[in-house]
Amino acid sequence: QVMLVESGGGSVQAGGSLRLSCAVSALTYKTYSMAWFRQAPGKEREGVASIDDSGRTIYADSVKGRFTISQDNANNILYLQMNSLSTEDTAMYYCAADPRRSLMTSIRVPGVFNVFKHWGQGTQVTVSS
């Protein structure tokens, strides 16, 4: 059974940085999409960044140039490096995975979170001004 466990969240001042990690186990798909989503109170869950098994990446416009998604295939870890954080980045951040490689191209489509198959429990990121 696929398990995703996020870590690395916390509180930071605006302008600061955080790196989120997602430990992945039992992901045996030859092709896949992995992604980071976030959900702020009262808002729908939104895609932040995605990556597929080939290393191709896509970012939401709101984080492009500030966030970087990467994967350590040897250690089965997905990362999200977040720089120049603002208060608008405050949210619960979730790691997700799915065997469909094509899903990663839809990361910016509202509601795409509904079709990702595997989820972590989330890690809170709070950015203060």
Protein backbone atom coordinates (compact mmCIF):
# COMPACT_ATOMS: atom_id res chain seq x y z
CA GLN A 1 0.00 0.00 0.00
CA VAL A 2 1.34 3.41 -1.00
CA MET A 3 2.14 5.65 1.94
CA LEU A 4 3.06 9.32 1.82
CA VAL A 5 4.34 11.12 4.92
CA GLU A 6 5.01 14.86 4.82
CA SER A 7 7.35 16.77 7.09
CA GLY A 8 9.17 20.07 7.23
CA GLY A 9 6.31 22.46 7.83
CA GLY A 10 6.47 25.17 10.43
CA SER A 11 6.28 28.88 11.09
CA VAL A 12 8.43 31.37 9.23
CA GLN A 13 8.49 35.09 8.64
CA ALA A 14 7.65 36.57 5.27
CA GLY A 15 10.60 36.40 2.94
CA GLY A 16 11.89 33.23 4.56
CA SER A 17 12.28 29.71 3.24
CA LEU A 18 11.15 26.20 4.11
CA ARG A 19 11.74 22.81 2.57
CA LEU A 20 8.98 20.26 2.74
CA SER A 21 9.68 16.55 2.39
CA CYS A 22 7.39 13.68 1.51
CA ALA A 23 8.63 10.19 2.30
CA VAL A 24 7.16 7.77 -0.21
CA SER A 25 6.81 4.06 0.30
CA ALA A 26 5.49 1.24 -1.88
CA LEU A 27 5.14 3.43 -4.98
CA THR A 28 5.84 0.75 -7.55
CA TYR A 29 4.31 2.39 -10.62
CA LYS A 30 6.64 2.62 -13.62
CA THR A 31 5.06 5.93 -14.55
CA TYR A 32 3.47 8.38 -12.16
CA SER A 33 2.60 11.92 -11.24
CA MET A 34 3.54 13.36 -7.88
CA ALA A 35 2.44 16.73 -6.65
CA TRP A 36 2.21 19.19 -3.82
CA PHE A 37 -1.17 20.71 -3.05
CA ARG A 38 -2.16 23.22 -0.42
CA GLN A 39 -5.34 24.24 1.29
CA ALA A 40 -5.89 27.43 3.22
CA PRO A 41 -8.83 27.79 5.64
CA GLY A 42 -12.05 28.35 3.75
CA LYS A 43 -10.48 27.71 0.36
CA GLU A 44 -10.42 24.79 -2.02
CA ARG A 45 -7.35 22.62 -2.23
CA GLU A 46 -5.10 23.88 -5.03
CA GLY A 47 -2.20 22.45 -6.93
CA VAL A 48 1.19 24.00 -6.23
CA ALA A 49 3.67 21.92 -8.24
CA SER A 50 3.91 18.55 -9.93
CA ILE A 51 6.57 16.21 -11.23
CA ASP A 52 6.48 12.96 -13.17
CA ASP A 53 8.75 9.95 -13.37
CA SER A 54 10.80 11.60 -16.12
CA GLY A 55 11.48 14.65 -13.96
CA ARG A 56 9.25 17.02 -15.89
CA THR A 57 7.82 19.73 -13.63
CA ILE A 58 4.91 22.16 -13.70
CA TYR A 59 4.14 24.99 -11.28
CA ALA A 60 1.16 27.06 -10.35
CA ASP A 61 1.59 30.65 -11.50
CA SER A 62 1.45 31.87 -7.90
CA VAL A 63 4.63 29.98 -6.94
CA LYS A 64 6.61 29.94 -10.18
CA GLY A 65 10.12 31.22 -9.59
CA ARG A 66 9.81 30.83 -5.82
CA PHE A 67 9.10 27.12 -5.27
CA THR A 68 10.99 24.12 -6.62
CA ILE A 69 9.72 20.55 -6.68
CA SER A 70 12.24 17.74 -6.87
CA GLN A 71 12.55 14.06 -6.15
CA ASP A 72 15.25 11.84 -4.71
CA ASN A 73 14.54 8.55 -6.39
CA ALA A 74 17.26 6.70 -4.50
CA ASN A 75 15.67 7.52 -1.16
CA ASN A 76 12.03 7.83 -2.32
CA ILE A 77 11.57 11.41 -1.14
CA LEU A 78 9.66 14.22 -2.78
CA TYR A 79 10.70 17.76 -1.90
CA LEU A 80 9.24 21.22 -2.15
CA GLN A 81 11.73 24.03 -1.64
CA MET A 82 9.83 27.21 -0.87
CA ASN A 83 11.62 30.56 -1.02
CA SER A 84 10.43 34.16 -0.68
CA LEU A 85 7.44 33.02 1.31
CA SER A 86 4.53 35.38 1.81
CA THR A 87 1.52 35.32 4.10
CA GLU A 88 -0.52 34.10 1.15
CA ASP A 89 1.45 30.86 1.21
CA THR A 90 0.02 29.97 4.62
CA ALA A 91 -1.81 26.67 4.26
CA MET A 92 -1.78 22.96 4.95
CA TYR A 93 0.49 21.36 2.36
CA TYR A 94 -0.21 17.87 1.04
CA CYS A 95 1.82 15.42 -0.98
CA ALA A 96 -0.06 13.35 -3.57
CA ALA A 97 0.72 10.59 -6.03
CA ASP A 98 -1.06 8.89 -8.89
CA PRO A 99 -0.08 6.24 -11.46
CA ARG A 100 -1.28 8.41 -14.36
CA ARG A 101 1.64 10.44 -15.69
CA SER A 102 -0.71 12.72 -17.61
CA LEU A 103 -2.23 14.11 -14.42
CA MET A 104 0.83 16.21 -13.68
CA THR A 105 0.00 18.49 -16.61
CA SER A 106 -3.35 19.33 -15.00
CA ILE A 107 -1.95 20.59 -11.72
CA ARG A 108 -3.33 24.07 -12.37
CA VAL A 109 -6.85 22.85 -13.12
CA PRO A 110 -9.27 23.58 -10.25
CA GLY A 111 -10.51 20.42 -8.62
CA VAL A 112 -7.80 18.15 -10.02
CA PHE A 113 -7.02 17.12 -6.48
CA ASN A 114 -10.19 15.00 -6.59
CA VAL A 115 -8.59 12.50 -8.96
CA PHE A 116 -5.22 11.95 -7.31
CA LYS A 117 -5.21 8.48 -5.83
CA HIS A 118 -2.78 8.66 -2.89
CA TRP A 119 -2.42 11.37 -0.23
CA GLY A 120 -0.35 12.21 2.78
CA GLN A 121 -1.73 13.62 6.00
CA GLY A 122 -0.41 17.14 5.40
CA THR A 123 2.03 19.52 7.04
CA GLN A 124 1.17 23.04 8.16
CA VAL A 125 3.03 26.06 6.83
CA THR A 126 2.40 29.40 8.53
CA VAL A 127 3.99 32.59 7.22
CA SER A 128 3.79 35.70 9.39
CA SER A 129 4.35 39.29 8.33
